[in-house]
Protein backbone atom coordinates (compact mmCIF):
# COMPACT_ATOMS: atom_id res chain seq x y z
CA UNK A 1 142.70 142.66 82.60
CA UNK A 2 141.09 146.28 82.39
CA UNK A 3 144.11 148.24 83.88
CA UNK A 4 141.95 151.37 83.86
CA UNK A 5 139.00 149.95 85.97
CA UNK A 6 141.82 148.54 88.60
CA UNK A 7 143.31 152.10 88.69
CA UNK A 8 139.99 153.71 89.35
CA UNK A 9 138.86 151.08 92.04
CA UNK A 10 142.33 151.78 93.76
CA UNK A 11 141.76 155.44 93.87
CA UNK A 12 138.20 154.94 95.15
CA UNK A 13 139.33 152.65 97.76
CA UNK A 14 142.13 154.65 99.02
CA UNK A 15 139.76 157.62 99.39
CA UNK A 16 137.79 155.44 101.66
CA UNK A 17 140.69 154.09 103.70
CA UNK A 18 142.19 157.83 104.34
CA UNK A 19 138.90 158.47 105.73
CA UNK A 20 139.36 155.99 108.55
CA UNK A 21 141.16 157.53 111.50
CA UNK A 22 143.64 155.08 112.55
CA UNK A 23 146.08 157.61 114.30
CA UNK A 24 148.48 155.86 116.53
CA UNK A 25 148.33 156.42 119.58
CA UNK A 26 145.61 155.10 120.07
CA UNK A 27 145.58 153.28 116.82
CA UNK A 28 142.07 152.07 116.65
CA UNK A 29 143.10 149.61 113.83
CA UNK A 30 139.70 147.86 114.28
CA UNK A 31 138.18 150.08 112.06
CA UNK A 32 140.67 149.45 109.25
CA UNK A 33 140.31 145.77 109.61
CA UNK A 34 136.52 145.86 109.48
CA UNK A 35 136.65 147.93 106.48
CA UNK A 36 138.94 145.61 104.59
CA UNK A 37 137.46 142.27 105.51
CA UNK A 38 134.17 143.61 104.60
CA UNK A 39 135.62 144.28 100.81
CA UNK A 40 137.26 140.64 101.04
CA UNK A 41 134.19 139.41 102.49
CA UNK A 42 132.21 140.69 99.57
CA UNK A 43 134.53 138.90 96.98
CA UNK A 44 134.07 135.64 98.57
CA UNK A 45 137.73 135.58 100.06
CA UNK A 46 137.88 134.15 103.66
CA UNK A 47 139.98 136.19 106.25
CA UNK A 48 140.92 136.22 109.55
CA UNK A 49 141.22 138.90 112.51
CA UNK A 50 143.50 138.44 115.07
CA UNK A 51 142.89 140.94 118.07
CA UNK A 52 146.06 141.99 119.83
CA UNK A 53 144.54 144.56 122.42
CA UNK A 54 141.45 146.37 122.73
CA UNK A 55 140.44 148.07 119.58
CA UNK A 56 143.57 146.88 117.69
CA UNK A 57 143.77 144.05 115.13
CA UNK A 58 145.35 142.69 112.32
CA UNK A 59 143.96 141.20 109.05
CA UNK A 60 145.07 137.96 107.49
CA UNK A 61 144.05 136.38 104.02
CA UNK A 62 145.38 133.79 101.77
CA UNK A 63 145.11 132.83 97.92
CA UNK A 64 146.38 129.41 97.68
CA UNK A 65 148.84 128.33 94.79
CA UNK A 66 149.78 124.82 93.67
CA UNK A 67 152.50 124.67 96.20
CA UNK A 68 155.38 124.37 93.88
CA UNK A 69 157.08 127.27 95.29
CA UNK A 70 157.01 128.97 98.83
CA UNK A 71 154.45 131.85 99.50
CA UNK A 72 154.93 135.62 99.20
CA UNK A 73 153.42 137.80 101.80
CA UNK A 74 152.14 141.52 100.73
CA UNK A 75 152.42 143.45 104.24
CA UNK A 76 151.36 146.38 105.11
CA UNK A 77 150.24 148.40 108.15
CA UNK A 78 147.06 150.46 108.96
CA UNK A 79 148.09 152.89 111.44
CA UNK A 80 149.32 156.53 110.80
CA UNK A 81 151.01 159.17 112.69
CA UNK A 82 149.07 162.01 113.96
CA UNK A 83 148.24 164.81 111.85
CA UNK A 84 147.96 168.53 113.32
CA UNK A 85 144.68 169.80 111.38
CA UNK A 86 146.02 173.75 111.97
CA UNK A 87 148.83 173.18 109.24
CA UNK A 88 146.81 171.32 106.66
CA UNK A 89 145.32 172.71 103.64
CA UNK A 90 142.62 170.07 103.73
CA UNK A 91 141.00 167.64 106.40
CA UNK A 92 143.74 165.11 106.95
CA UNK A 93 141.15 162.60 107.32
CA UNK A 94 138.81 163.65 104.41
CA UNK A 95 140.42 161.55 101.50
CA UNK A 96 140.17 164.61 99.26
CA UNK A 97 140.84 164.49 95.43
CA UNK A 98 142.07 167.94 94.58
CA UNK A 99 144.72 169.32 91.92
CA UNK A 100 145.44 165.51 90.61
CA UNK A 101 146.16 164.22 94.13
CA UNK A 102 144.62 162.32 96.89
CA UNK A 103 145.37 163.92 100.10
CA UNK A 104 145.07 162.51 103.56
CA UNK A 105 147.35 161.33 106.30
CA UNK A 106 148.65 157.91 105.15
CA UNK A 107 148.32 158.61 101.42
CA UNK A 108 152.27 157.90 101.36
CA UNK A 109 152.64 155.89 104.63
CA UNK A 110 151.32 153.46 103.97
CA UNK A 111 147.82 153.31 103.13
CA UNK A 112 148.45 153.91 99.36
CA UNK A 113 150.51 150.34 99.25
CA UNK A 114 148.16 148.62 101.37
CA UNK A 115 145.44 149.67 98.78
CA UNK A 116 147.67 148.66 95.84
CA UNK A 117 148.11 145.25 97.80
CA UNK A 118 144.58 145.08 98.27
CA UNK A 119 143.38 145.33 94.48
CA UNK A 120 146.28 143.25 93.63
CA UNK A 121 145.02 140.45 95.74
CA UNK A 122 141.39 140.90 94.46
CA UNK A 123 142.57 141.02 90.94
CA UNK A 124 144.33 137.60 91.34
CA UNK A 125 141.14 136.00 92.89
CA UNK A 126 139.04 137.32 90.26
CA UNK A 127 140.85 135.96 87.41
CA UNK A 128 141.73 132.95 88.89
CA UNK A 129 145.24 133.50 88.12
CA UNK A 130 147.09 129.94 88.38
CA UNK A 131 149.73 130.75 91.34
CA UNK A 132 152.56 128.54 92.12
CA UNK A 133 152.97 130.26 95.42
CA UNK A 134 150.72 131.08 98.10
CA UNK A 135 150.00 134.94 98.34
CA UNK A 136 149.19 136.46 101.65
CA UNK A 137 147.46 139.61 102.24
CA UNK A 138 148.55 140.66 105.88
CA UNK A 139 147.96 144.20 107.34
CA UNK A 140 149.37 144.96 110.81
CA UNK A 141 148.68 147.40 113.65
CA UNK A 142 150.85 149.79 115.53
CA UNK A 143 154.00 149.70 113.29
CA UNK A 144 154.26 153.52 113.77
CA UNK A 145 154.93 152.76 117.34
CA UNK A 146 157.39 149.77 117.12
CA UNK A 147 154.61 147.07 116.21
CA UNK A 148 153.95 145.33 119.51
CA UNK A 149 150.72 145.04 118.80
CA UNK A 150 150.79 144.40 114.97
CA UNK A 151 153.95 142.50 113.55
CA UNK A 152 155.52 141.36 116.78
CA UNK A 153 152.23 140.16 117.96
CA UNK A 154 151.74 137.97 114.70
CA UNK A 155 155.40 136.75 114.62
CA UNK A 156 155.57 135.82 118.43
CA UNK A 157 151.70 134.57 118.69
CA UNK A 158 150.78 133.30 115.08
CA UNK A 159 154.15 132.77 113.55
CA UNK A 160 152.41 129.71 111.47
CA UNK A 161 150.38 132.35 109.43
CA UNK A 162 153.43 133.47 107.63
CA UNK A 163 156.32 130.68 108.17
CA UNK A 164 156.05 129.13 104.99
CA UNK A 165 156.78 132.29 102.94
CA UNK A 166 160.14 132.90 101.24
CA UNK A 167 159.32 136.50 100.40
CA UNK A 168 157.78 139.73 101.57
CA UNK A 169 157.04 142.94 100.02
CA UNK A 170 156.71 146.00 102.45
CA UNK A 171 156.66 149.74 102.43
CA UNK A 172 159.43 152.19 101.92
CA UNK A 173 161.60 151.21 98.36
CA UNK A 174 160.35 153.57 95.91
CA UNK A 175 160.92 154.95 92.59
CA UNK A 176 162.44 158.46 91.61
CA UNK A 177 163.28 160.19 88.61
CA UNK A 178 166.81 161.13 88.26
CA UNK A 179 167.97 162.72 85.00
CA UNK A 180 165.05 161.55 83.37
CA UNK A 181 165.52 157.82 84.32
CA UNK A 182 163.27 155.71 86.61
CA UNK A 183 165.23 154.61 89.34
CA UNK A 184 163.54 152.18 91.59
CA UNK A 185 165.15 151.33 94.90
CA UNK A 186 164.52 148.32 96.91
CA UNK A 187 165.33 148.23 100.71
CA UNK A 188 167.18 145.17 101.42
CA UNK A 189 167.91 146.00 105.13
CA UNK A 190 167.49 149.08 107.46
CA UNK A 191 168.66 150.89 110.30
CA UNK A 192 167.36 149.87 113.82
CA UNK A 193 166.13 151.92 116.47
CA UNK A 194 167.78 152.57 119.86
CA UNK A 195 165.55 154.97 121.47
CA UNK A 196 166.79 156.05 124.82
CA UNK A 197 165.66 158.52 127.57
CA UNK A 198 168.35 160.63 129.53
CA UNK A 199 167.22 161.44 133.16
CA UNK A 200 169.21 164.14 134.98
CA UNK A 201 168.43 164.65 138.77
CA UNK A 202 169.22 167.67 141.08
CA UNK A 203 167.92 169.79 144.07
CA UNK A 204 164.52 171.22 143.55
CA UNK A 205 163.33 174.84 144.53
CA UNK A 206 162.11 177.97 143.46
CA UNK A 207 163.10 179.60 140.07
CA UNK A 208 164.04 182.73 141.64
CA UNK A 209 167.02 181.26 143.33
CA UNK A 210 169.30 179.66 140.49
CA UNK A 211 170.92 176.34 141.23
CA UNK A 212 173.67 175.81 138.97
CA UNK A 213 173.69 172.13 139.30
CA UNK A 214 169.92 171.85 138.93
CA UNK A 215 168.63 168.81 136.83
CA UNK A 216 167.82 170.91 133.96
CA UNK A 217 171.11 172.10 133.83
CA UNK A 218 172.74 169.03 134.17
CA UNK A 219 170.79 167.73 131.17
CA UNK A 220 171.50 170.93 128.97
CA UNK A 221 175.21 169.96 129.68
CA UNK A 222 174.51 166.25 128.69
CA UNK A 223 172.62 167.21 125.70
CA UNK A 224 175.38 169.82 124.63
CA UNK A 225 177.99 167.11 124.65
CA UNK A 226 175.86 164.82 122.57
CA UNK A 227 175.21 167.32 119.98
CA UNK A 228 178.88 168.06 119.92
CA UNK A 229 179.60 164.50 119.19
CA UNK A 230 179.70 162.92 115.85
CA UNK A 231 179.61 159.23 115.36
CA UNK A 232 182.48 157.53 113.30
CA UNK A 233 182.02 156.48 109.63
CA UNK A 234 181.56 152.96 109.30
CA UNK A 235 181.03 151.07 106.14
CA UNK A 236 178.84 148.10 106.27
CA UNK A 237 178.46 145.22 103.67
CA UNK A 238 174.98 146.41 103.29
CA UNK A 239 176.35 150.10 102.56
CA UNK A 240 178.96 148.66 100.00
CA UNK A 241 176.39 146.81 98.16
CA UNK A 242 174.25 150.07 98.00
CA UNK A 243 177.22 152.08 96.63
CA UNK A 244 178.17 149.72 94.19
CA UNK A 245 174.65 149.27 92.86
CA UNK A 246 174.41 152.99 92.35
CA UNK A 247 177.68 153.57 91.02
CA UNK A 248 177.00 153.36 87.59
CA UNK A 249 174.52 156.00 87.78
CA UNK A 250 176.86 158.82 89.12
CA UNK A 251 178.96 161.12 87.01
CA UNK A 252 182.36 160.19 85.69
CA UNK A 253 184.42 161.08 88.37
CA UNK A 254 182.53 159.44 91.14
CA UNK A 255 181.54 155.91 89.43
CA UNK A 256 184.81 154.68 90.56
CA UNK A 257 184.69 156.16 94.01
CA UNK A 258 181.28 154.83 94.89
CA UNK A 259 182.26 151.40 93.26
CA UNK A 260 184.87 151.36 96.08
CA UNK A 261 183.44 153.12 98.90
CA UNK A 262 185.41 151.89 101.60
CA UNK A 263 188.58 153.14 100.20
CA UNK A 264 187.08 156.27 98.86
CA UNK A 265 185.63 157.65 102.33
CA UNK A 266 189.52 157.66 103.65
CA UNK A 267 189.36 160.94 101.24
CA UNK A 268 188.41 163.82 103.70
CA UNK A 269 187.45 165.98 100.53
CA UNK A 270 185.37 163.04 98.95
CA UNK A 271 183.81 162.29 102.37
CA UNK A 272 182.75 165.85 103.02
CA UNK A 273 180.92 166.12 99.63
CA UNK A 274 179.23 162.74 100.17
CA UNK A 275 177.96 163.57 103.68
CA UNK A 276 176.11 166.43 102.11
CA UNK A 277 173.66 163.98 101.08
CA UNK A 278 171.53 163.18 103.82
CA UNK A 279 170.76 159.64 102.84
CA UNK A 280 174.57 158.91 102.38
CA UNK A 281 175.14 160.48 105.83
CA UNK A 282 172.74 158.29 107.40
CA UNK A 283 173.70 155.03 106.29
CA UNK A 284 177.26 155.53 106.78
CA UNK A 285 176.92 156.14 110.59
CA UNK A 286 174.89 155.68 113.80
CA UNK A 287 172.69 158.76 114.01
CA UNK A 288 171.26 160.84 117.06
CA UNK A 289 168.26 163.02 117.17
CA UNK A 290 167.26 164.91 120.12
CA UNK A 291 163.41 164.73 119.96
CA UNK A 292 161.71 165.15 123.27
CA UNK A 293 162.39 167.29 126.34
CA UNK A 294 160.53 167.63 129.59
CA UNK A 295 161.40 169.80 132.99
CA UNK A 296 159.23 171.43 135.27
CA UNK A 297 155.60 172.06 134.45
CA UNK A 298 155.59 175.28 135.98
CA UNK A 299 157.96 178.47 135.21
CA UNK A 300 158.75 179.31 138.80
CA UNK A 301 159.77 175.61 139.97
CA UNK A 302 163.33 174.16 139.72
CA UNK A 303 162.23 170.42 139.31
CA UNK A 304 164.00 167.57 140.79
CA UNK A 305 164.34 165.63 137.53
CA UNK A 306 164.24 166.54 133.92
CA UNK A 307 164.48 164.25 130.87
CA UNK A 308 165.20 164.12 127.31
CA UNK A 309 164.45 161.24 124.81
CA UNK A 310 166.92 160.69 121.64
CA UNK A 311 165.86 159.05 118.54
CA UNK A 312 168.81 156.84 117.61
CA UNK A 313 169.23 154.87 114.60
CA UNK A 314 171.99 152.08 114.54
CA UNK A 315 173.45 150.77 111.36
CA UNK A 316 172.87 146.90 110.56
CA UNK A 317 175.08 144.83 112.79
CA UNK A 318 175.50 147.44 115.70
CA UNK A 319 174.83 146.59 119.19
CA UNK A 320 172.34 148.69 121.09
CA UNK A 321 174.31 148.07 124.52
CA UNK A 322 177.67 149.04 123.07
CA UNK A 323 176.02 152.23 121.59
CA UNK A 324 174.24 153.01 125.08
CA UNK A 325 178.04 152.87 126.74
CA UNK A 326 179.32 155.16 124.05
CA UNK A 327 176.61 157.61 124.79
CA UNK A 328 177.63 157.23 128.45
CA UNK A 329 181.24 158.20 127.62
CA UNK A 330 180.24 161.21 125.49
CA UNK A 331 178.05 162.48 128.25
CA UNK A 332 180.84 162.20 130.93
CA UNK A 333 178.46 162.26 133.89
CA UNK A 334 177.72 159.06 135.95
CA UNK A 335 174.71 161.15 137.39
CA UNK A 336 173.04 160.96 133.99
CA UNK A 337 170.82 157.69 133.66
CA UNK A 338 170.40 156.57 130.25
CA UNK A 339 167.46 154.28 129.74
CA UNK A 340 166.66 152.12 126.54
CA UNK A 341 163.30 152.38 125.27
CA UNK A 342 163.29 150.36 122.41
CA UNK A 343 166.00 148.66 120.31
CA UNK A 344 166.21 145.47 118.06
CA UNK A 345 168.65 144.14 115.88
CA UNK A 346 168.43 143.94 112.14
CA UNK A 347 169.77 141.74 109.10
CA UNK A 348 169.91 141.83 105.51
CA UNK A 349 168.06 140.10 102.61
CA UNK A 350 169.93 139.26 99.30
CA UNK A 351 169.66 141.36 96.24
CA UNK A 352 169.80 138.48 93.78
CA UNK A 353 166.79 136.79 94.02
CA UNK A 354 163.69 136.20 91.78
CA UNK A 355 161.79 138.85 93.56
CA UNK A 356 164.16 141.59 92.72
CA UNK A 357 164.61 140.13 89.27
CA UNK A 358 160.72 140.30 88.67
CA UNK A 359 160.58 143.87 89.67
CA UNK A 360 163.68 144.53 87.40
CA UNK A 361 161.89 143.05 84.30
CA UNK A 362 158.40 144.49 85.03
CA UNK A 363 159.79 148.13 85.53
CA UNK A 364 161.47 147.97 82.51
CA UNK A 365 158.31 147.22 80.49
CA UNK A 366 156.81 150.38 82.03
CA UNK A 367 160.06 153.00 81.78
CA UNK A 368 162.91 153.03 79.16
CA UNK A 369 166.06 152.89 80.82
CA UNK A 370 164.47 151.95 84.15
CA UNK A 371 167.19 150.89 86.71
CA UNK A 372 166.65 148.95 90.15
CA UNK A 373 169.29 149.51 93.11
CA UNK A 374 169.77 148.11 96.43
CA UNK A 375 168.72 150.39 99.31
CA UNK A 376 169.34 150.73 102.99
CA UNK A 377 166.38 152.38 104.82
CA UNK A 378 167.62 155.04 107.25
CA UNK A 379 164.47 154.25 109.33
CA UNK A 380 162.74 151.12 110.14
CA UNK A 381 159.69 149.03 109.32
CA UNK A 382 158.20 145.85 110.38
CA UNK A 383 160.29 143.81 108.06
CA UNK A 384 162.75 142.82 110.65
CA UNK A 385 160.27 140.85 112.58
CA UNK A 386 159.52 138.80 109.63
CA UNK A 387 163.36 138.58 108.96
CA UNK A 388 164.16 136.70 112.08
CA UNK A 389 161.78 133.99 110.69
CA UNK A 390 163.79 133.50 107.78
CA UNK A 391 161.97 135.41 105.35
CA UNK A 392 163.61 137.71 102.57
CA UNK A 393 162.01 140.92 103.11
CA UNK A 394 162.04 144.07 100.72
CA UNK A 395 160.86 147.50 100.83
CA UNK A 396 159.10 148.02 97.38
CA UNK A 397 156.59 150.64 96.64
CA UNK A 398 155.64 150.71 92.56
CA UNK A 399 155.30 154.48 92.59
CA UNK A 400 157.30 157.46 91.10
CA UNK A 401 157.74 159.92 93.61
CA UNK A 402 159.42 163.31 93.87
CA UNK A 403 161.19 165.09 96.60
CA UNK A 404 158.39 167.41 97.40
CA UNK A 405 156.14 164.34 97.72
CA UNK A 406 158.60 162.38 99.71
CA UNK A 407 159.08 165.50 102.30
CA UNK A 408 155.32 165.05 103.12
CA UNK A 409 155.82 161.70 104.86
CA UNK A 410 154.87 162.26 108.44
CA UNK A 411 154.57 165.89 107.34
CA UNK A 412 151.50 168.36 106.44
CA UNK A 413 149.30 167.99 103.22
CA UNK A 414 150.55 164.38 102.81
CA UNK A 415 149.15 163.25 99.09
CA UNK A 416 149.80 160.92 96.30
CA UNK A 417 148.88 161.39 92.68
CA UNK A 418 146.02 159.92 90.80
CA UNK A 419 148.76 158.86 88.14
CA UNK A 420 150.79 156.85 90.86
CA UNK A 421 147.49 155.25 92.27
CA UNK A 422 146.18 154.07 88.88
CA UNK A 423 149.41 152.73 87.43
CA UNK A 424 151.21 151.46 90.60
CA UNK A 425 148.57 148.46 91.11
CA UNK A 426 149.31 147.46 87.47
CA UNK A 427 153.18 147.32 88.40
CA UNK A 428 152.54 145.38 91.32
CA UNK A 429 150.13 142.87 89.70
CA UNK A 430 152.86 142.11 87.20
CA UNK A 431 155.48 141.70 89.69
CA UNK A 432 153.51 139.12 91.54
CA UNK A 433 152.29 137.41 87.97
CA UNK A 434 156.53 137.08 87.07
CA UNK A 435 156.91 135.91 90.74
CA UNK A 436 154.17 133.34 91.38
CA UNK A 437 153.30 132.32 87.73
């Protein structure tokens, strides 16, 4: 294998992919599937394009193994979140190479992994690698808006495409340097969304005559109560596995604490210190973020209705209906309507599997004293749709990222280093080689 050539190919293809604007909404993922299907066809690989809505489609291709083991899915999504060009140093859809990085919306979320999976898929085909598992290359639409036109559509309408799979590799889990040691996290579960809309109503009127019980005032009082509320700490089984998995990486005074997290969180001083880490805080409780507000569309009109939308994320096993009732009690105003916009449940995947062992063996070849640890994603991905089919799904991205890069996910000047795009496909190829060979 010419790894340098594979890395250069990945860099080139990522630049082309980033120049395809698949901002969701509206998505226009047909542009991405046309690009990817052309590459696959030129290599002599059959692929299928499944349209889910006008302008929206999903791509599917499969390399056949000998059938002795169940298939593995390489999953990515082609849509990206909007980018405000006013706050970018470069064209967010220019795919520009500068200062050792490739810049563009989707460079981290997640066209980078999509291209790494693509070149690995191509390399397996070119090398005629003797697979014991079928390898499925699946690119879906609409992940950034919940997956209705993408992963949900596939699992509801064409589940037979992936129903024979044992494992799935998706976005999010990633490598980081901690005290000079490479630590790769593998997402074994994730929090689920419970997006809600609060609607307050009141008597409309002229802005010159204030109304204490207007819809806006009523909504603000409700939001004030929510802001003052802190959901309780809950240590799930997945969180317990996470803290146990990273306990040996902690300083001496914290190793025992992390290894026995259920008992440790009862110590108020320890808990206060623990919650300073935003990730730890997010995986130990349900979270609430007020993200959207709407009242009048004119400054001198008191509106009849005012709304707020909340991005709430629930721990694995939590019931959305129970959480909404909890919110109603916090608000304490029966006149405030709470409408659920999006929610679904979630389950976990085991950490002691051949896929995890493959990752552990491969990253240890590339990094001295490398660690592989389980993780709970505080956001959500398309993985939950496939877990419902009984597939073990894992977030694993073969890149080493620093905090500055991670903060650019969904932010401005999103970019990934050339080094990551050149090295990542090799790591992923070796994982698939180990898992499927």
